[in-house]
Amino acid sequence: MAGLGIFARAERAAAKRRAEEDAPAYLAAEEARLHVVHSELTAEAGQWWQALVANDEETVCEAVNYAFSDNTAAGCAVGVDGAVLSVVMRQQDIDSLPAQMPGVTPSGRPTLKTLSKRDRTLWWLTSMGSNIVATLKEAFAVAPGITAIDLAVLTRLPDTQRLGFVAYGRWTRQAIEAGPWRETTDALRFLDIGQDVACSVTTTASGNLSSAVKPLDTSRLPGLQSLLDHAQDDPVSGDTALAGLDEDLRANVPAAHSAPLPDRYRIRPFAEWKSQSACPTPPHAPALPSRAPATALTPGQNLVLPEEAWQGLLIAFSFAGADADLTLFLTDADGQVTCDEDFVFYNQPATAQGAARLLGEQPDGPHTVERAALHLAALPTHIQHVTIAVNMDVDAGLTCGALTHASLYMDCVTGAAWTFQPPADPGVRAMAIAELYRHTSNGREVWKLRAVGQGWADGLDGLARAHGVNVT
């Protein structure tokens, strides 16, 4: 009604009628567009995840370097070979540590005590061990397909003030995740749990740590020697070269990600939609994303879902003839919900931190489609089953026999799809159409899909009670 005077009653009434006519088409068009956006983002995320778990070098190094970008000890993932990641870490120089520590005199007065060279070396070694362990744990957490990490540590050597390697080795995921990391002394265990570990600080014959930090011989490791030979190091400039190296290691975080990303879920203003809808389309038939060819299931049939489906499963129930509501039950091994939040229906359209959610209804030509999204990998471990059900309006007195062209369609990011046509049973008002459930096959956990098509005569109340929901 912009621009219409308050007394232009006929024009204002006409504008309201046009708004009422346009609103359903606008809403349906936005829902369809956002569904396409969601599908695209889900596909992109699925492709990125597959590249990450497949140890694609660029993807793994980028993800790990993002994780490293705020670390105290600058680190850089420099390559992937199979399931082994290579990392270079810049350790704080031992000369940067203070030579004195607070203490007290025999009489109890505060004083500064000069550290022995050996104590100072132990302090520096513990710091390096802590940084190595933290770097390894973070890289393993970010890159799930990596099973081992080759890590080398650079620092400026106190005698020559030039860069040199002071530790290197290979550490496996199993070794890092097996033991506790709670005490300060645990940091020194990096020397014992790695493979081919070399460190410039050694233990003397008397059992004491050496007090000198000397460079390791890297001549038998061409990759490390080449990295060292090409390192920018100017001993005259002192800290400038050190700062430059730290910046070089941290510069592996692409600057593009510091810029705000566009909001692809932005709702188009009505005026923008109206201007883009110059070519009239039926208000009840918005364009929907095309569907992939689907595998048709028969009642009782079950199959194993591909792992890609765990990361995003889109569910669509299409029907005509009467109105029905899509409902999800997230249940334990006994088929019972453990709390009210595991019951997803029109009054509670999302649960499990968004892992299961209803996306709403929209018209699709002569049919109605209600959609839902399910992220199986994000479900809590106590959720063993997900029941996909529909229920009729009991007050209307209609049964599932009134539904025509009823069909369940499910697909995932790879394009794999499944469909099931439940029976039009006039004896029930609520029906479990399909079930997803955890199963162990060949020693590993899988998710399976089973077509059901069985119902309850008393509608939603009976359906809810059967799944452990307390209906009052």
Protein backbone atom coordinates (compact mmCIF):
# COMPACT_ATOMS: atom_id res chain seq x y z
CA MET A 1 0.00 0.00 0.00
CA ALA A 2 3.02 2.28 -0.39
CA GLY A 3 1.98 5.60 -1.90
CA LEU A 4 -1.74 5.10 -1.25
CA GLY A 5 -3.47 7.75 0.79
CA ILE A 6 -5.25 6.75 3.97
CA PHE A 7 -8.60 7.74 2.49
CA ALA A 8 -8.11 5.84 -0.79
CA ARG A 9 -10.24 3.01 0.50
CA ALA A 10 -10.95 1.26 -2.78
CA GLU A 11 -7.31 1.31 -3.84
CA ARG A 12 -6.17 0.10 -0.41
CA ALA A 13 -8.73 -2.72 -0.44
CA ALA A 14 -7.56 -3.75 -3.92
CA ALA A 15 -3.93 -3.68 -2.75
CA LYS A 16 -4.80 -5.95 0.18
CA ARG A 17 -6.53 -8.40 -2.13
CA ARG A 18 -3.50 -8.48 -4.42
CA ALA A 19 -1.24 -9.05 -1.39
CA GLU A 20 -3.42 -11.95 -0.23
CA GLU A 21 -3.24 -13.45 -3.71
CA ASP A 22 0.53 -12.94 -4.01
CA ALA A 23 1.51 -14.11 -0.52
CA PRO A 24 1.12 -17.89 -1.10
CA ALA A 25 3.06 -17.71 -4.37
CA TYR A 26 5.78 -15.58 -2.76
CA LEU A 27 6.07 -17.95 0.21
CA ALA A 28 6.12 -21.06 -1.98
CA ALA A 29 8.71 -19.55 -4.32
CA GLU A 30 11.00 -18.62 -1.42
CA GLU A 31 10.64 -22.06 0.18
CA ALA A 32 11.47 -23.72 -3.13
CA ARG A 33 14.44 -21.41 -3.73
CA LEU A 34 15.80 -21.95 -0.22
CA HIS A 35 15.39 -25.70 -0.60
CA VAL A 36 17.57 -25.51 -3.72
CA VAL A 37 20.12 -23.38 -1.83
CA HIS A 38 20.13 -25.89 1.02
CA SER A 39 20.62 -28.78 -1.40
CA GLU A 40 23.52 -26.95 -3.07
CA LEU A 41 25.19 -26.18 0.26
CA THR A 42 24.65 -29.74 1.43
CA ALA A 43 26.21 -31.04 -1.78
CA GLU A 44 29.17 -28.66 -1.42
CA ALA A 45 29.68 -29.69 2.20
CA GLY A 46 29.44 -33.34 1.23
CA GLN A 47 32.04 -32.91 -1.51
CA TRP A 48 34.37 -31.04 0.87
CA TRP A 49 33.95 -33.72 3.54
CA GLN A 50 34.67 -36.49 1.06
CA ALA A 51 37.82 -34.68 -0.07
CA LEU A 52 38.89 -34.24 3.56
CA VAL A 53 38.39 -37.87 4.59
CA ALA A 54 40.01 -39.01 1.31
CA ASN A 55 43.11 -36.98 2.31
CA ASP A 56 43.04 -34.64 -0.66
CA GLU A 57 46.25 -32.67 -0.10
CA GLU A 58 44.90 -29.18 -0.76
CA THR A 59 41.78 -29.72 1.34
CA VAL A 60 43.64 -31.27 4.30
CA CYS A 61 46.41 -28.67 4.35
CA GLU A 62 43.93 -25.79 4.14
CA ALA A 63 41.77 -27.18 6.97
CA VAL A 64 44.75 -27.93 9.21
CA ASN A 65 46.35 -24.54 8.60
CA TYR A 66 43.12 -22.81 9.61
CA ALA A 67 43.29 -24.72 12.86
CA PHE A 68 46.95 -23.78 13.32
CA SER A 69 46.41 -20.08 12.60
CA ASP A 70 45.94 -19.09 16.27
CA ASN A 71 48.63 -21.36 17.76
CA THR A 72 51.39 -19.98 19.95
CA ALA A 73 53.98 -22.00 18.03
CA ALA A 74 53.53 -21.17 14.35
CA GLY A 75 52.89 -24.34 12.36
CA CYS A 76 52.27 -25.21 8.76
CA ALA A 77 50.95 -28.32 7.03
CA VAL A 78 53.13 -28.69 3.94
CA GLY A 79 51.98 -31.92 2.28
CA VAL A 80 50.11 -35.20 2.39
CA ASP A 81 51.44 -38.59 1.31
CA GLY A 82 48.73 -41.21 1.51
CA ALA A 83 47.48 -41.01 5.09
CA VAL A 84 50.61 -39.22 6.41
CA LEU A 85 50.62 -35.44 6.91
CA SER A 86 53.85 -33.40 6.94
CA VAL A 87 54.05 -30.42 9.32
CA VAL A 88 56.73 -27.85 10.08
CA MET A 89 56.58 -26.06 13.44
CA ARG A 90 58.46 -22.96 14.61
CA GLN A 91 59.52 -23.28 18.24
CA GLN A 92 60.31 -20.30 20.47
CA ASP A 93 64.07 -19.62 20.67
CA ILE A 94 65.74 -20.66 23.89
CA ASP A 95 67.39 -17.23 24.13
CA SER A 96 63.94 -15.67 24.46
CA LEU A 97 63.41 -17.39 27.82
CA PRO A 98 64.28 -15.40 30.95
CA ALA A 99 67.54 -16.26 32.68
CA GLN A 100 66.05 -15.75 36.15
CA MET A 101 63.01 -17.02 38.01
CA PRO A 102 61.25 -15.77 41.16
CA GLY A 103 62.29 -17.51 44.36
CA VAL A 104 62.86 -16.96 48.05
CA THR A 105 65.99 -16.72 50.17
CA PRO A 106 66.63 -19.14 53.09
CA SER A 107 65.12 -16.48 55.32
CA GLY A 108 61.93 -16.36 53.23
CA ARG A 109 62.54 -13.07 51.44
CA PRO A 110 61.55 -12.84 47.73
CA THR A 111 64.41 -12.83 45.28
CA LEU A 112 65.34 -13.67 41.69
CA LYS A 113 67.30 -16.85 41.19
CA THR A 114 69.48 -17.39 38.16
CA LEU A 115 68.52 -20.50 36.25
CA SER A 116 71.17 -23.04 35.53
CA LYS A 117 71.79 -23.77 31.88
CA ARG A 118 70.37 -27.27 32.33
CA ASP A 119 67.18 -26.00 34.02
CA ARG A 120 66.69 -23.48 31.25
CA THR A 121 67.11 -26.18 28.64
CA LEU A 122 64.59 -28.40 30.43
CA TRP A 123 62.12 -25.52 30.48
CA TRP A 124 62.59 -24.96 26.75
CA LEU A 125 62.34 -28.71 25.98
CA THR A 126 59.10 -28.99 27.97
CA SER A 127 57.70 -26.01 26.10
CA MET A 128 58.64 -27.59 22.77
CA GLY A 129 57.10 -30.92 23.78
CA SER A 130 53.87 -29.17 24.76
CA ASN A 131 53.71 -27.38 21.42
CA ILE A 132 54.44 -30.60 19.51
CA VAL A 133 51.71 -32.53 21.32
CA ALA A 134 49.19 -29.69 20.89
CA THR A 135 50.03 -29.41 17.18
CA LEU A 136 49.67 -33.16 16.64
CA LYS A 137 46.39 -33.40 18.55
CA GLU A 138 44.90 -30.46 16.66
CA ALA A 139 45.94 -31.81 13.25
CA PHE A 140 44.50 -35.26 14.02
CA ALA A 141 41.26 -33.66 15.22
CA VAL A 142 40.86 -31.62 12.03
CA ALA A 143 41.93 -34.29 9.50
CA PRO A 144 40.05 -37.54 10.29
CA GLY A 145 41.66 -39.47 7.44
CA ILE A 146 45.21 -38.83 8.62
CA THR A 147 46.75 -41.71 10.59
CA ALA A 148 50.30 -40.38 11.13
CA ILE A 149 52.13 -37.05 11.08
CA ASP A 150 55.74 -36.33 10.16
CA LEU A 151 56.63 -33.23 12.16
CA ALA A 152 59.83 -31.20 12.15
CA VAL A 153 60.70 -28.34 14.52
CA LEU A 154 62.69 -25.24 13.54
CA THR A 155 64.26 -22.77 15.95
CA ARG A 156 67.12 -20.27 16.03
CA LEU A 157 70.21 -21.90 17.50
CA PRO A 158 71.85 -20.05 20.40
CA ASP A 159 75.45 -20.58 19.23
CA THR A 160 75.12 -19.48 15.61
CA GLN A 161 71.84 -17.51 15.68
CA ARG A 162 70.87 -19.33 12.52
CA LEU A 163 67.78 -21.47 11.89
CA GLY A 164 68.11 -25.19 12.37
CA PHE A 165 66.01 -28.29 12.99
CA VAL A 166 66.01 -29.40 16.60
CA ALA A 167 63.44 -32.22 16.52
CA TYR A 168 61.67 -34.41 14.03
CA GLY A 169 59.87 -37.73 13.91
CA ARG A 170 56.65 -39.49 13.05
CA TRP A 171 53.75 -39.78 15.48
CA THR A 172 50.65 -41.93 14.88
CA ARG A 173 47.10 -41.05 15.83
CA GLN A 174 46.94 -44.13 18.06
CA ALA A 175 50.04 -43.10 20.01
CA ILE A 176 48.80 -39.55 20.60
CA GLU A 177 45.27 -40.58 21.59
CA ALA A 178 46.29 -43.52 23.79
CA GLY A 179 47.86 -41.79 26.77
CA PRO A 180 46.86 -38.98 29.16
CA TRP A 181 48.18 -35.45 28.69
CA ARG A 182 47.57 -33.83 32.06
CA GLU A 183 50.85 -33.12 33.83
CA THR A 184 53.68 -30.85 32.74
CA THR A 185 56.04 -33.81 32.58
CA ASP A 186 53.71 -35.55 30.11
CA ALA A 187 54.96 -33.15 27.45
CA LEU A 188 58.33 -34.95 27.40
CA ARG A 189 56.67 -38.24 26.38
CA PHE A 190 56.77 -37.07 22.78
CA LEU A 191 60.34 -38.42 22.76
CA ASP A 192 59.21 -41.95 23.62
CA ILE A 193 55.97 -42.51 21.69
CA GLY A 194 57.08 -41.45 18.22
CA GLN A 195 58.86 -43.30 15.45
CA ASP A 196 62.42 -42.37 14.42
CA VAL A 197 62.33 -39.41 16.81
CA ALA A 198 65.44 -37.23 16.89
CA CYS A 199 65.95 -34.33 19.30
CA SER A 200 68.87 -31.98 19.80
CA VAL A 201 68.48 -32.21 23.58
CA THR A 202 69.71 -35.62 24.67
CA THR A 203 70.26 -37.51 27.90
CA THR A 204 73.85 -37.85 29.10
CA ALA A 205 75.38 -41.08 30.38
CA SER A 206 74.68 -39.94 33.93
CA GLY A 207 70.96 -39.56 33.19
CA ASN A 208 70.92 -35.75 32.99
CA LEU A 209 69.71 -33.68 30.08
CA SER A 210 72.35 -32.09 27.89
CA SER A 211 72.57 -28.35 28.38
CA ALA A 212 73.37 -27.46 24.76
CA VAL A 213 70.90 -27.05 21.89
CA LYS A 214 72.62 -28.07 18.68
CA PRO A 215 71.22 -28.57 15.16
CA LEU A 216 70.28 -32.03 13.99
CA ASP A 217 71.94 -33.58 10.96
CA THR A 218 69.31 -33.48 8.21
CA SER A 219 71.56 -34.59 5.36
CA ARG A 220 69.81 -37.98 5.21
CA LEU A 221 66.42 -36.24 4.99
CA PRO A 222 66.48 -34.36 1.65
CA GLY A 223 63.10 -32.71 2.20
CA LEU A 224 64.13 -31.10 5.49
CA GLN A 225 67.53 -30.11 4.17
CA SER A 226 65.94 -28.46 1.13
CA LEU A 227 63.50 -26.57 3.35
CA LEU A 228 66.36 -25.36 5.51
CA ASP A 229 68.49 -24.37 2.53
CA HIS A 230 65.70 -22.16 1.18
CA ALA A 231 64.73 -20.60 4.51
CA GLN A 232 65.11 -16.81 4.62
CA ASP A 233 67.54 -16.17 7.45
CA ASP A 234 69.62 -13.10 8.13
CA PRO A 235 71.52 -13.37 11.43
CA VAL A 236 72.40 -9.67 11.30
CA SER A 237 68.77 -8.57 11.41
CA GLY A 238 68.00 -10.72 14.45
CA ASP A 239 64.31 -10.74 15.30
CA THR A 240 63.29 -9.40 11.90
CA ALA A 241 64.09 -12.72 10.22
CA LEU A 242 62.36 -14.60 13.02
CA ALA A 243 59.22 -12.48 12.65
CA GLY A 244 59.35 -13.01 8.92
CA LEU A 245 59.50 -16.79 9.31
CA ASP A 246 56.58 -16.77 11.74
CA GLU A 247 54.57 -14.67 9.29
CA ASP A 248 55.48 -17.03 6.43
CA LEU A 249 54.21 -20.02 8.40
CA ARG A 250 51.02 -18.22 9.41
CA ALA A 251 50.45 -16.86 5.88
CA ASN A 252 49.10 -20.22 4.77
CA VAL A 253 45.64 -19.15 5.91
CA PRO A 254 43.97 -17.76 2.76
CA ALA A 255 42.92 -14.15 3.19
CA ALA A 256 39.67 -14.78 1.34
CA HIS A 257 38.13 -16.39 4.40
CA SER A 258 38.60 -13.24 6.45
CA ALA A 259 36.01 -11.51 4.27
CA PRO A 260 32.38 -12.00 5.26
CA LEU A 261 30.65 -14.65 3.18
CA PRO A 262 27.40 -13.78 1.41
CA ASP A 263 24.23 -14.91 3.17
CA ARG A 264 22.84 -17.47 0.74
CA TYR A 265 19.83 -17.97 3.02
CA ARG A 266 18.85 -14.30 2.73
CA ILE A 267 15.09 -13.92 2.27
CA ARG A 268 14.33 -11.92 -0.86
CA PRO A 269 12.15 -8.91 -0.11
CA PHE A 270 8.68 -9.17 -1.58
CA ALA A 271 9.31 -6.25 -3.96
CA GLU A 272 12.42 -7.96 -5.31
CA TRP A 273 10.51 -11.22 -5.86
CA LYS A 274 7.67 -9.33 -7.52
CA SER A 275 10.01 -7.56 -9.92
CA GLN A 276 11.70 -10.86 -10.82
CA SER A 277 8.33 -12.51 -11.43
CA ALA A 278 7.46 -10.47 -14.51
CA CYS A 279 6.66 -13.70 -16.33
CA PRO A 280 3.56 -14.92 -14.54
CA THR A 281 3.62 -18.43 -13.09
CA PRO A 282 0.78 -20.27 -11.36
CA PRO A 283 0.87 -19.22 -7.69
CA HIS A 284 0.44 -22.82 -6.55
CA ALA A 285 3.13 -24.40 -8.75
CA PRO A 286 6.60 -23.02 -7.89
CA ALA A 287 9.61 -24.59 -9.55
CA LEU A 288 11.00 -27.40 -7.42
CA PRO A 289 14.46 -28.99 -7.60
CA SER A 290 14.63 -31.90 -10.01
CA ARG A 291 14.70 -35.36 -8.50
CA ALA A 292 17.14 -38.12 -9.24
CA PRO A 293 15.90 -41.53 -10.43
CA ALA A 294 14.93 -43.43 -7.31
CA THR A 295 15.10 -47.05 -6.17
CA ALA A 296 11.52 -48.19 -5.49
CA LEU A 297 11.02 -50.12 -2.24
CA THR A 298 8.32 -52.66 -1.37
CA PRO A 299 6.76 -53.08 2.13
CA GLY A 300 9.27 -54.73 4.46
CA GLN A 301 12.22 -54.25 2.12
CA ASN A 302 15.42 -52.88 3.68
CA LEU A 303 18.80 -51.73 2.39
CA VAL A 304 22.05 -50.22 3.64
CA LEU A 305 22.39 -46.47 3.12
CA PRO A 306 25.67 -45.16 1.65
CA GLU A 307 27.86 -43.28 4.11
CA GLU A 308 27.27 -40.06 2.16
CA ALA A 309 23.63 -40.22 3.25
CA TRP A 310 24.74 -39.89 6.88
CA GLN A 311 25.79 -36.29 6.21
CA GLY A 312 22.48 -35.15 4.78
CA LEU A 313 19.26 -36.93 3.93
CA LEU A 314 16.35 -35.01 2.40
CA ILE A 315 12.88 -36.48 2.90
CA ALA A 316 9.80 -35.52 0.86
CA PHE A 317 6.28 -36.88 1.40
CA SER A 318 4.00 -36.12 -1.55
CA PHE A 319 0.23 -36.61 -1.41
CA ALA A 320 -3.18 -35.38 -2.56
CA GLY A 321 -6.84 -35.94 -1.69
CA ALA A 322 -6.60 -34.87 1.97
CA ASP A 323 -4.25 -33.16 4.38
CA ALA A 324 -1.59 -35.06 6.34
CA ASP A 325 1.30 -34.10 8.62
CA LEU A 326 4.81 -35.51 8.52
CA THR A 327 6.21 -36.63 11.89
CA LEU A 328 9.61 -37.98 13.02
CA PHE A 329 10.32 -40.10 16.12
CA LEU A 330 13.92 -40.40 17.31
CA THR A 331 14.00 -43.50 19.50
CA ASP A 332 16.34 -45.77 21.43
CA ALA A 333 17.02 -49.48 20.90
CA ASP A 334 13.56 -50.28 22.31
CA GLY A 335 11.81 -47.96 19.86
CA GLN A 336 10.96 -45.40 22.58
CA VAL A 337 11.76 -41.69 22.75
CA THR A 338 13.97 -40.78 25.69
CA CYS A 339 12.57 -37.25 26.01
CA ASP A 340 9.88 -35.05 24.48
CA GLU A 341 12.51 -33.33 22.32
CA ASP A 342 12.91 -36.56 20.30
CA PHE A 343 9.36 -36.12 18.93
CA VAL A 344 9.48 -33.90 15.80
CA PHE A 345 6.08 -32.68 14.63
CA TYR A 346 4.29 -29.48 13.60
CA ASN A 347 4.50 -27.95 17.10
CA GLN A 348 8.19 -28.89 17.48
CA PRO A 349 9.68 -28.80 13.98
CA ALA A 350 13.36 -29.30 14.97
CA THR A 351 15.31 -31.22 17.60
CA ALA A 352 18.65 -32.96 18.29
CA GLN A 353 20.51 -29.65 17.81
CA GLY A 354 18.98 -29.35 14.33
CA ALA A 355 19.98 -32.86 13.20
CA ALA A 356 16.31 -33.60 12.51
CA ARG A 357 13.92 -30.91 11.32
CA LEU A 358 10.74 -30.37 9.33
CA LEU A 359 11.02 -27.95 6.40
CA GLY A 360 7.31 -27.31 5.91
CA GLU A 361 4.67 -27.96 3.26
CA GLN A 362 4.38 -26.45 -0.18
CA PRO A 363 2.20 -27.13 -3.23
CA ASP A 364 3.62 -29.03 -6.19
CA GLY A 365 1.04 -28.84 -8.95
CA PRO A 366 -1.97 -30.95 -7.93
CA HIS A 367 -0.04 -32.45 -5.01
CA THR A 368 1.24 -31.21 -1.66
CA VAL A 369 4.82 -31.94 -0.55
CA GLU A 370 6.08 -31.82 3.04
CA ARG A 371 9.83 -32.01 3.47
CA ALA A 372 12.23 -32.86 6.27
CA ALA A 373 16.01 -32.98 6.64
CA LEU A 374 17.96 -35.53 8.64
CA HIS A 375 21.67 -35.48 9.55
CA LEU A 376 22.26 -39.04 10.73
CA ALA A 377 25.93 -38.49 11.63
CA ALA A 378 24.95 -35.71 14.06
CA LEU A 379 22.38 -37.76 16.00
CA PRO A 380 23.32 -38.68 19.59
CA THR A 381 24.53 -42.25 20.01
CA HIS A 382 21.48 -43.24 22.05
CA ILE A 383 19.27 -42.62 19.02
CA GLN A 384 19.07 -46.03 17.34
CA HIS A 385 15.94 -45.60 15.20
CA VAL A 386 14.26 -42.78 13.28
CA THR A 387 10.64 -43.45 12.35
CA ILE A 388 9.16 -41.42 9.47
CA ALA A 389 5.38 -41.24 9.93
CA VAL A 390 2.30 -39.35 8.75
CA ASN A 391 -0.96 -38.68 10.55
CA MET A 392 -4.39 -37.47 9.47
CA ASP A 393 -6.57 -34.90 11.20
CA VAL A 394 -8.69 -37.03 13.54
CA ASP A 395 -11.36 -34.31 13.88
CA ALA A 396 -11.92 -34.41 10.12
CA GLY A 397 -12.76 -38.11 10.37
CA LEU A 398 -10.51 -38.95 7.42
CA THR A 399 -8.24 -41.98 7.23
CA CYS A 400 -5.16 -42.74 5.22
CA GLY A 401 -7.52 -44.19 2.63
CA ALA A 402 -8.35 -40.59 1.66
CA LEU A 403 -4.75 -39.95 0.58
CA THR A 404 -4.11 -40.31 -3.12
CA HIS A 405 -0.77 -40.45 -4.93
CA ALA A 406 0.98 -40.79 -1.54
CA SER A 407 4.72 -41.31 -1.99
CA LEU A 408 7.84 -41.01 0.19
CA TYR A 409 10.99 -39.85 -1.58
CA MET A 410 14.46 -39.66 0.00
CA ASP A 411 17.78 -38.58 -1.50
CA CYS A 412 21.31 -37.59 -0.47
CA VAL A 413 24.18 -35.48 -1.81
CA THR A 414 25.48 -38.17 -4.19
CA GLY A 415 22.18 -38.27 -6.04
CA ALA A 416 21.22 -41.70 -4.68
CA ALA A 417 17.46 -41.76 -4.04
CA TRP A 418 14.77 -44.10 -2.76
CA THR A 419 10.99 -44.05 -2.98
CA PHE A 420 8.14 -45.94 -1.35
CA GLN A 421 4.39 -45.79 -1.94
CA PRO A 422 2.56 -46.65 1.29
CA PRO A 423 -0.81 -48.41 1.10
CA ALA A 424 -3.98 -46.27 1.15
CA ASP A 425 -5.31 -48.06 4.24
CA PRO A 426 -8.85 -46.89 5.17
CA GLY A 427 -8.50 -48.52 8.60
CA VAL A 428 -5.77 -46.25 10.00
CA ARG A 429 -5.38 -42.53 10.67
CA ALA A 430 -1.62 -42.56 11.29
CA MET A 431 1.07 -44.63 9.62
CA ALA A 432 4.79 -45.38 10.02
CA ILE A 433 5.94 -45.14 6.41
CA ALA A 434 9.63 -45.96 6.82
CA GLU A 435 12.29 -46.49 9.44
CA LEU A 436 16.00 -45.70 9.57
CA TYR A 437 18.01 -47.70 12.07
CA ARG A 438 21.59 -48.41 13.13
CA HIS A 439 22.95 -51.86 12.32
CA THR A 440 26.30 -53.64 12.59
CA SER A 441 27.54 -55.21 9.37
CA ASN A 442 30.96 -56.89 9.03
CA GLY A 443 32.08 -55.31 12.27
CA ARG A 444 31.19 -51.72 11.36
CA GLU A 445 28.17 -49.57 12.06
CA VAL A 446 25.82 -48.74 9.20
CA TRP A 447 22.44 -47.05 8.83
CA LYS A 448 19.70 -49.05 7.11
CA LEU A 449 16.41 -47.96 5.56
CA ARG A 450 13.27 -50.12 5.81
CA ALA A 451 9.92 -49.53 4.13
CA VAL A 452 7.08 -50.11 6.63
CA GLY A 453 3.57 -48.88 5.69
CA GLN A 454 1.75 -49.92 8.90
CA GLY A 455 -0.57 -47.76 10.99
CA TRP A 456 -2.79 -46.97 13.99
CA ALA A 457 -6.55 -46.56 13.93
CA ASP A 458 -6.56 -43.86 16.63
CA GLY A 459 -4.24 -41.59 14.70
CA LEU A 460 -1.50 -39.44 16.15
CA ASP A 461 -2.30 -40.39 19.78
CA GLY A 462 -1.76 -44.08 19.11
CA LEU A 463 1.28 -43.42 16.95
CA ALA A 464 2.85 -41.21 19.66
CA ARG A 465 2.10 -43.67 22.51
CA ALA A 466 3.62 -46.53 20.52
CA HIS A 467 6.86 -44.58 20.40
CA GLY A 468 6.90 -43.63 24.08
CA VAL A 469 5.45 -40.12 23.90
CA ASN A 470 3.27 -39.29 26.90
CA VAL A 471 -0.01 -38.10 25.38
CA THR A 472 -2.17 -36.14 27.88
